[in-house]
Amino acid sequence: MFPEPANCPLCGSAAERIRSSQLRGFRYSCPSCGSFGIESAALVGLVAPASTRQDLARFRAYGHLPLIQRDKQGVRVGPGRV
């Protein structure tokens, strides 16, 4: 799959995304937020907590691809499966 231009769902900057069946969504590369995965369900009406960008940086620092998911409590950031 080739990257396609898109706006970052977190900050709105020009970014690239690649559809990922392993993540059940997309992998974004944003110049402001960095690389992260996001499930398609989390994209619908995304209202991310203010700490999301710091959480993404923390998971990347530990060598993980951060993954944004939606669960019953809302949106959360965790280590990705890929």
PDB file of N, CA and C in Angstrom:
ATOM      1  N   MET A   1       0.839  -1.162   0.000  1.00  0.00           N
ATOM      2  CA  MET A   1       0.000   0.000   0.000  1.00  0.00           C
ATOM      3  C   MET A   1       0.896   1.241   0.000  1.00  0.00           C
ATOM      4  N   PHE A   2       0.438   2.254  -0.681  1.00  0.00           N
ATOM      5  CA  PHE A   2       1.172   3.502  -0.763  1.00  0.00           C
ATOM      6  C   PHE A   2       0.559   4.522   0.193  1.00  0.00           C
ATOM      7  N   PRO A   3       1.383   5.419   0.739  1.00  0.00           N
ATOM      8  CA  PRO A   3       0.828   6.465   1.598  1.00  0.00           C
ATOM      9  C   PRO A   3      -0.053   7.418   0.801  1.00  0.00           C
ATOM     10  N   GLU A   4      -1.081   7.901   1.453  1.00  0.00           N
ATOM     11  CA  GLU A   4      -1.968   8.877   0.834  1.00  0.00           C
ATOM     12  C   GLU A   4      -1.997  10.116   1.722  1.00  0.00           C
ATOM     13  N   PRO A   5      -2.132  11.294   1.129  1.00  0.00           N
ATOM     14  CA  PRO A   5      -2.187  12.515   1.938  1.00  0.00           C
ATOM     15  C   PRO A   5      -3.478  12.560   2.752  1.00  0.00           C
ATOM     16  N   ALA A   6      -3.362  13.036   3.974  1.00  0.00           N
ATOM     17  CA  ALA A   6      -4.515  13.157   4.863  1.00  0.00           C
ATOM     18  C   ALA A   6      -4.190  14.185   5.934  1.00  0.00           C
ATOM     19  N   ASN A   7      -5.186  14.668   6.606  1.00  0.00           N
ATOM     20  CA  ASN A   7      -4.967  15.537   7.761  1.00  0.00           C
ATOM     21  C   ASN A   7      -4.862  14.666   9.007  1.00  0.00           C
ATOM     22  N   CYS A   8      -3.957  15.019   9.896  1.00  0.00           N
ATOM     23  CA  CYS A   8      -3.800  14.292  11.153  1.00  0.00           C
ATOM     24  C   CYS A   8      -5.089  14.416  11.962  1.00  0.00           C
ATOM     25  N   PRO A   9      -5.634  13.299  12.457  1.00  0.00           N
ATOM     26  CA  PRO A   9      -6.887  13.380  13.224  1.00  0.00           C
ATOM     27  C   PRO A   9      -6.697  14.023  14.597  1.00  0.00           C
ATOM     28  N   LEU A  10      -5.460  14.187  15.057  1.00  0.00           N
ATOM     29  CA  LEU A  10      -5.210  14.782  16.366  1.00  0.00           C
ATOM     30  C   LEU A  10      -4.977  16.285  16.300  1.00  0.00           C
ATOM     31  N   CYS A  11      -4.129  16.717  15.354  1.00  0.00           N
ATOM     32  CA  CYS A  11      -3.762  18.138  15.319  1.00  0.00           C
ATOM     33  C   CYS A  11      -4.208  18.853  14.043  1.00  0.00           C
ATOM     34  N   GLY A  12      -4.635  18.119  13.023  1.00  0.00           N
ATOM     35  CA  GLY A  12      -5.098  18.720  11.780  1.00  0.00           C
ATOM     36  C   GLY A  12      -4.003  19.070  10.788  1.00  0.00           C
ATOM     37  N   SER A  13      -2.734  18.782  11.114  1.00  0.00           N
ATOM     38  CA  SER A  13      -1.622  19.064  10.199  1.00  0.00           C
ATOM     39  C   SER A  13      -1.686  18.156   8.980  1.00  0.00           C
ATOM     40  N   ALA A  14      -1.029  18.590   7.899  1.00  0.00           N
ATOM     41  CA  ALA A  14      -0.903  17.739   6.718  1.00  0.00           C
ATOM     42  C   ALA A  14      -0.053  16.535   7.105  1.00  0.00           C
ATOM     43  N   ALA A  15      -0.541  15.349   6.816  1.00  0.00           N
ATOM     44  CA  ALA A  15       0.133  14.106   7.201  1.00  0.00           C
ATOM     45  C   ALA A  15      -0.042  13.084   6.083  1.00  0.00           C
ATOM     46  N   GLU A  16       0.492  11.907   6.302  1.00  0.00           N
ATOM     47  CA  GLU A  16       0.283  10.780   5.390  1.00  0.00           C
ATOM     48  C   GLU A  16      -0.322   9.635   6.189  1.00  0.00           C
ATOM     49  N   ARG A  17      -1.108   8.803   5.498  1.00  0.00           N
ATOM     50  CA  ARG A  17      -1.650   7.623   6.156  1.00  0.00           C
ATOM     51  C   ARG A  17      -1.591   6.442   5.224  1.00  0.00           C
ATOM     52  N   ILE A  18      -1.509   5.278   5.821  1.00  0.00           N
ATOM     53  CA  ILE A  18      -1.501   4.008   5.104  1.00  0.00           C
ATOM     54  C   ILE A  18      -2.548   3.125   5.751  1.00  0.00           C
ATOM     55  N   ARG A  19      -3.417   2.538   4.945  1.00  0.00           N
ATOM     56  CA  ARG A  19      -4.416   1.604   5.486  1.00  0.00           C
ATOM     57  C   ARG A  19      -3.694   0.362   5.991  1.00  0.00           C
ATOM     58  N   SER A  20      -4.074  -0.098   7.176  1.00  0.00           N
ATOM     59  CA  SER A  20      -3.439  -1.259   7.783  1.00  0.00           C
ATOM     60  C   SER A  20      -4.507  -2.229   8.274  1.00  0.00           C
ATOM     61  N   SER A  21      -4.542  -3.408   7.685  1.00  0.00           N
ATOM     62  CA  SER A  21      -5.516  -4.408   8.124  1.00  0.00           C
ATOM     63  C   SER A  21      -5.118  -4.973   9.487  1.00  0.00           C
ATOM     64  N   GLN A  22      -3.816  -4.992   9.798  1.00  0.00           N
ATOM     65  CA  GLN A  22      -3.366  -5.492  11.096  1.00  0.00           C
ATOM     66  C   GLN A  22      -3.828  -4.588  12.234  1.00  0.00           C
ATOM     67  N   LEU A  23      -3.880  -3.290  11.984  1.00  0.00           N
ATOM     68  CA  LEU A  23      -4.338  -2.339  13.002  1.00  0.00           C
ATOM     69  C   LEU A  23      -5.845  -2.135  12.959  1.00  0.00           C
ATOM     70  N   ARG A  24      -6.511  -2.674  11.935  1.00  0.00           N
ATOM     71  CA  ARG A  24      -7.943  -2.447  11.694  1.00  0.00           C
ATOM     72  C   ARG A  24      -8.228  -0.958  11.547  1.00  0.00           C
ATOM     73  N   GLY A  25      -7.321  -0.276  10.837  1.00  0.00           N
ATOM     74  CA  GLY A  25      -7.481   1.152  10.637  1.00  0.00           C
ATOM     75  C   GLY A  25      -6.351   1.709   9.790  1.00  0.00           C
ATOM     76  N   PHE A  26      -5.676   2.726  10.297  1.00  0.00           N
ATOM     77  CA  PHE A  26      -4.641   3.423   9.552  1.00  0.00           C
ATOM     78  C   PHE A  26      -3.392   3.624  10.394  1.00  0.00           C
ATOM     79  N   ARG A  27      -2.267   3.766   9.690  1.00  0.00           N
ATOM     80  CA  ARG A  27      -1.026   4.198  10.324  1.00  0.00           C
ATOM     81  C   ARG A  27      -0.742   5.600   9.789  1.00  0.00           C
ATOM     82  N   TYR A  28      -0.672   6.576  10.683  1.00  0.00           N
ATOM     83  CA  TYR A  28      -0.428   7.964  10.320  1.00  0.00           C
ATOM     84  C   TYR A  28       1.025   8.333  10.567  1.00  0.00           C
ATOM     85  N   SER A  29       1.548   9.208   9.717  1.00  0.00           N
ATOM     86  CA  SER A  29       2.847   9.840   9.916  1.00  0.00           C
ATOM     87  C   SER A  29       2.606  11.336   9.855  1.00  0.00           C
ATOM     88  N   CYS A  30       2.703  11.988  11.005  1.00  0.00           N
ATOM     89  CA  CYS A  30       2.432  13.410  11.131  1.00  0.00           C
ATOM     90  C   CYS A  30       3.716  14.121  11.565  1.00  0.00           C
ATOM     91  N   PRO A  31       4.042  15.265  10.968  1.00  0.00           N
ATOM     92  CA  PRO A  31       5.252  15.977  11.378  1.00  0.00           C
ATOM     93  C   PRO A  31       5.168  16.503  12.814  1.00  0.00           C
ATOM     94  N   SER A  32       3.974  16.735  13.335  1.00  0.00           N
ATOM     95  CA  SER A  32       3.816  17.244  14.703  1.00  0.00           C
ATOM     96  C   SER A  32       3.637  16.133  15.734  1.00  0.00           C
ATOM     97  N   CYS A  33       2.814  15.142  15.416  1.00  0.00           N
ATOM     98  CA  CYS A  33       2.479  14.087  16.382  1.00  0.00           C
ATOM     99  C   CYS A  33       3.354  12.839  16.249  1.00  0.00           C
ATOM    100  N   GLY A  34       4.053  12.677  15.119  1.00  0.00           N
ATOM    101  CA  GLY A  34       4.865  11.488  14.896  1.00  0.00           C
ATOM    102  C   GLY A  34       4.044  10.374  14.262  1.00  0.00           C
ATOM    103  N   SER A  35       4.572   9.158  14.309  1.00  0.00           N
ATOM    104  CA  SER A  35       3.887   7.996  13.743  1.00  0.00           C
ATOM    105  C   SER A  35       3.024   7.323  14.802  1.00  0.00           C
ATOM    106  N   PHE A  36       1.825   6.923  14.388  1.00  0.00           N
ATOM    107  CA  PHE A  36       0.924   6.219  15.289  1.00  0.00           C
ATOM    108  C   PHE A  36      -0.115   5.478  14.478  1.00  0.00           C
ATOM    109  N   GLY A  37      -0.715   4.475  15.074  1.00  0.00           N
ATOM    110  CA  GLY A  37      -1.820   3.746  14.467  1.00  0.00           C
ATOM    111  C   GLY A  37      -3.122   4.194  15.102  1.00  0.00           C
ATOM    112  N   ILE A  38      -4.181   4.097  14.346  1.00  0.00           N
ATOM    113  CA  ILE A  38      -5.499   4.434  14.887  1.00  0.00           C
ATOM    114  C   ILE A  38      -6.532   3.500  14.265  1.00  0.00           C
ATOM    115  N   GLU A  39      -7.359   2.909  15.108  1.00  0.00           N
ATOM    116  CA  GLU A  39      -8.412   2.032  14.621  1.00  0.00           C
ATOM    117  C   GLU A  39      -9.515   2.865  13.980  1.00  0.00           C
ATOM    118  N   SER A  40     -10.169   2.293  12.982  1.00  0.00           N
ATOM    119  CA  SER A  40     -11.240   3.004  12.284  1.00  0.00           C
ATOM    120  C   SER A  40     -12.343   3.445  13.237  1.00  0.00           C
ATOM    121  N   ALA A  41     -12.652   2.624  14.238  1.00  0.00           N
ATOM    122  CA  ALA A  41     -13.708   2.970  15.194  1.00  0.00           C
ATOM    123  C   ALA A  41     -13.343   4.210  16.001  1.00  0.00           C
ATOM    124  N   ALA A  42     -12.059   4.437  16.244  1.00  0.00           N
ATOM    125  CA  ALA A  42     -11.629   5.601  17.027  1.00  0.00           C
ATOM    126  C   ALA A  42     -11.682   6.880  16.202  1.00  0.00           C
ATOM    127  N   LEU A  43     -11.667   6.770  14.886  1.00  0.00           N
ATOM    128  CA  LEU A  43     -11.722   7.955  14.034  1.00  0.00           C
ATOM    129  C   LEU A  43     -13.095   8.624  14.043  1.00  0.00           C
ATOM    130  N   VAL A  44     -14.129   7.858  14.309  1.00  0.00           N
ATOM    131  CA  VAL A  44     -15.495   8.377  14.278  1.00  0.00           C
ATOM    132  C   VAL A  44     -15.712   9.284  15.488  1.00  0.00           C
ATOM    133  N   GLY A  45     -15.883  10.569  15.227  1.00  0.00           N
ATOM    134  CA  GLY A  45     -16.122  11.528  16.306  1.00  0.00           C
ATOM    135  C   GLY A  45     -14.993  11.594  17.312  1.00  0.00           C
ATOM    136  N   LEU A  46     -13.758  11.536  16.839  1.00  0.00           N
ATOM    137  CA  LEU A  46     -12.591  11.495  17.724  1.00  0.00           C
ATOM    138  C   LEU A  46     -12.499  12.757  18.573  1.00  0.00           C
ATOM    139  N   VAL A  47     -12.547  12.575  19.874  1.00  0.00           N
ATOM    140  CA  VAL A  47     -12.275  13.628  20.847  1.00  0.00           C
ATOM    141  C   VAL A  47     -11.194  13.057  21.752  1.00  0.00           C
ATOM    142  N   ALA A  48      -9.951  13.354  21.417  1.00  0.00           N
ATOM    143  CA  ALA A  48      -8.819  12.787  22.146  1.00  0.00           C
ATOM    144  C   ALA A  48      -8.504  13.626  23.373  1.00  0.00           C
ATOM    145  N   PRO A  49      -8.119  12.982  24.475  1.00  0.00           N
ATOM    146  CA  PRO A  49      -7.714  13.727  25.668  1.00  0.00           C
ATOM    147  C   PRO A  49      -6.488  14.596  25.371  1.00  0.00           C
ATOM    148  N   ALA A  50      -6.287  15.614  26.168  1.00  0.00           N
ATOM    149  CA  ALA A  50      -5.171  16.543  25.963  1.00  0.00           C
ATOM    150  C   ALA A  50      -3.818  15.844  26.078  1.00  0.00           C
ATOM    151  N   SER A  51      -3.741  14.775  26.827  1.00  0.00           N
ATOM    152  CA  SER A  51      -2.471  14.074  27.047  1.00  0.00           C
ATOM    153  C   SER A  51      -2.116  13.096  25.927  1.00  0.00           C
ATOM    154  N   THR A  52      -2.928  13.007  24.897  1.00  0.00           N
ATOM    155  CA  THR A  52      -2.722  12.005  23.847  1.00  0.00           C
ATOM    156  C   THR A  52      -1.365  12.141  23.178  1.00  0.00           C
ATOM    157  N   ARG A  53      -0.954  13.344  22.834  1.00  0.00           N
ATOM    158  CA  ARG A  53       0.323  13.519  22.141  1.00  0.00           C
ATOM    159  C   ARG A  53       1.496  13.113  23.031  1.00  0.00           C
ATOM    160  N   GLN A  54       1.421  13.377  24.338  1.00  0.00           N
ATOM    161  CA  GLN A  54       2.475  12.942  25.255  1.00  0.00           C
ATOM    162  C   GLN A  54       2.485  11.421  25.387  1.00  0.00           C
ATOM    163  N   ASP A  55       1.303  10.815  25.404  1.00  0.00           N
ATOM    164  CA  ASP A  55       1.217   9.356  25.470  1.00  0.00           C
ATOM    165  C   ASP A  55       1.838   8.716  24.230  1.00  0.00           C
ATOM    166  N   LEU A  56       1.587   9.306  23.055  1.00  0.00           N
ATOM    167  CA  LEU A  56       2.174   8.789  21.820  1.00  0.00           C
ATOM    168  C   LEU A  56       3.696   8.836  21.900  1.00  0.00           C
ATOM    169  N   ALA A  57       4.234   9.958  22.355  1.00  0.00           N
ATOM    170  CA  ALA A  57       5.700  10.108  22.460  1.00  0.00           C
ATOM    171  C   ALA A  57       6.275   9.112  23.457  1.00  0.00           C
ATOM    172  N   ARG A  58       5.573   8.877  24.565  1.00  0.00           N
ATOM    173  CA  ARG A  58       6.055   7.933  25.583  1.00  0.00           C
ATOM    174  C   ARG A  58       6.136   6.509  25.026  1.00  0.00           C
ATOM    175  N   PHE A  59       5.124   6.058  24.303  1.00  0.00           N
ATOM    176  CA  PHE A  59       5.152   4.715  23.735  1.00  0.00           C
ATOM    177  C   PHE A  59       6.234   4.580  22.664  1.00  0.00           C
ATOM    178  N   ARG A  60       6.423   5.627  21.840  1.00  0.00           N
ATOM    179  CA  ARG A  60       7.495   5.594  20.834  1.00  0.00           C
ATOM    180  C   ARG A  60       8.864   5.525  21.497  1.00  0.00           C
ATOM    181  N   ALA A  61       9.037   6.218  22.629  1.00  0.00           N
ATOM    182  CA  ALA A  61      10.321   6.203  23.342  1.00  0.00           C
ATOM    183  C   ALA A  61      10.664   4.799  23.836  1.00  0.00           C
ATOM    184  N   TYR A  62       9.654   3.985  24.106  1.00  0.00           N
ATOM    185  CA  TYR A  62       9.873   2.608  24.544  1.00  0.00           C
ATOM    186  C   TYR A  62       9.887   1.612  23.381  1.00  0.00           C
ATOM    187  N   GLY A  63       9.888   2.122  22.147  1.00  0.00           N
ATOM    188  CA  GLY A  63      10.019   1.267  20.975  1.00  0.00           C
ATOM    189  C   GLY A  63       8.723   0.692  20.428  1.00  0.00           C
ATOM    190  N   HIS A  64       7.582   1.212  20.855  1.00  0.00           N
ATOM    191  CA  HIS A  64       6.280   0.726  20.375  1.00  0.00           C
ATOM    192  C   HIS A  64       5.720   1.677  19.326  1.00  0.00           C
ATOM    193  N   LEU A  65       4.909   1.155  18.440  1.00  0.00           N
ATOM    194  CA  LEU A  65       4.081   1.992  17.584  1.00  0.00           C
ATOM    195  C   LEU A  65       2.803   2.236  18.377  1.00  0.00           C
ATOM    196  N   PRO A  66       2.560   3.476  18.818  1.00  0.00           N
ATOM    197  CA  PRO A  66       1.350   3.729  19.612  1.00  0.00           C
ATOM    198  C   PRO A  66       0.087   3.463  18.795  1.00  0.00           C
ATOM    199  N   LEU A  67      -0.944   2.987  19.475  1.00  0.00           N
ATOM    200  CA  LEU A  67      -2.215   2.682  18.833  1.00  0.00           C
ATOM    201  C   LEU A  67      -3.334   3.370  19.594  1.00  0.00           C
ATOM    202  N   ILE A  68      -4.131   4.145  18.871  1.00  0.00           N
ATOM    203  CA  ILE A  68      -5.283   4.820  19.460  1.00  0.00           C
ATOM    204  C   ILE A  68      -6.498   3.942  19.201  1.00  0.00           C
ATOM    205  N   GLN A  69      -7.201   3.600  20.283  1.00  0.00           N
ATOM    206  CA  GLN A  69      -8.363   2.712  20.200  1.00  0.00           C
ATOM    207  C   GLN A  69      -9.549   3.336  20.917  1.00  0.00           C
ATOM    208  N   ARG A  70     -10.732   2.908  20.558  1.00  0.00           N
ATOM    209  CA  ARG A  70     -11.944   3.313  21.271  1.00  0.00           C
ATOM    210  C   ARG A  70     -12.460   2.096  22.028  1.00  0.00           C
ATOM    211  N   ASP A  71     -12.774   2.304  23.315  1.00  0.00           N
ATOM    212  CA  ASP A  71     -13.411   1.254  24.098  1.00  0.00           C
ATOM    213  C   ASP A  71     -14.614   1.860  24.815  1.00  0.00           C
ATOM    214  N   LYS A  72     -15.189   1.152  25.756  1.00  0.00           N
ATOM    215  CA  LYS A  72     -16.402   1.630  26.421  1.00  0.00           C
ATOM    216  C   LYS A  72     -16.183   2.913  27.218  1.00  0.00           C
ATOM    217  N   GLN A  73     -14.955   3.115  27.701  1.00  0.00           N
ATOM    218  CA  GLN A  73     -14.654   4.318  28.482  1.00  0.00           C
ATOM    219  C   GLN A  73     -14.299   5.513  27.600  1.00  0.00           C
ATOM    220  N   GLY A  74     -14.066   5.307  26.333  1.00  0.00           N
ATOM    221  CA  GLY A  74     -13.712   6.385  25.423  1.00  0.00           C
ATOM    222  C   GLY A  74     -12.477   6.028  24.619  1.00  0.00           C
ATOM    223  N   VAL A  75     -11.653   7.027  24.337  1.00  0.00           N
ATOM    224  CA  VAL A  75     -10.456   6.843  23.530  1.00  0.00           C
ATOM    225  C   VAL A  75      -9.267   6.603  24.453  1.00  0.00           C
ATOM    226  N   ARG A  76      -8.425   5.628  24.090  1.00  0.00           N
ATOM    227  CA  ARG A  76      -7.222   5.362  24.878  1.00  0.00           C
ATOM    228  C   ARG A  76      -6.058   5.103  23.945  1.00  0.00           C
ATOM    229  N   VAL A  77      -4.846   5.303  24.473  1.00  0.00           N
ATOM    230  CA  VAL A  77      -3.619   5.069  23.719  1.00  0.00           C
ATOM    231  C   VAL A  77      -2.900   3.911  24.390  1.00  0.00           C
ATOM    232  N   GLY A  78      -2.450   2.959  23.574  1.00  0.00           N
ATOM    233  CA  GLY A  78      -1.714   1.817  24.083  1.00  0.00           C
ATOM    234  C   GLY A  78      -0.662   1.383  23.086  1.00  0.00           C
ATOM    235  N   PRO A  79       0.147   0.390  23.450  1.00  0.00           N
ATOM    236  CA  PRO A  79       1.137  -0.107  22.509  1.00  0.00           C
ATOM    237  C   PRO A  79       0.461  -0.860  21.372  1.00  0.00           C
ATOM    238  N   GLY A  80       0.915  -0.643  20.173  1.00  0.00           N
ATOM    239  CA  GLY A  80       0.330  -1.307  18.994  1.00  0.00           C
ATOM    240  C   GLY A  80       0.747  -2.754  18.892  1.00  0.00           C
ATOM    241  N   ARG A  81       0.036  -3.475  18.070  1.00  0.00           N
ATOM    242  CA  ARG A  81       0.326  -4.895  17.858  1.00  0.00           C
ATOM    243  C   ARG A  81       1.392  -5.109  16.813  1.00  0.00           C
ATOM    244  N   VAL A  82       1.729  -4.078  16.085  1.00  0.00           N
ATOM    245  CA  VAL A  82       2.673  -4.230  14.965  1.00  0.00           C
ATOM    246  C   VAL A  82       3.976  -3.601  15.316  1.00  0.00           C
TER     247      VAL A  82
END
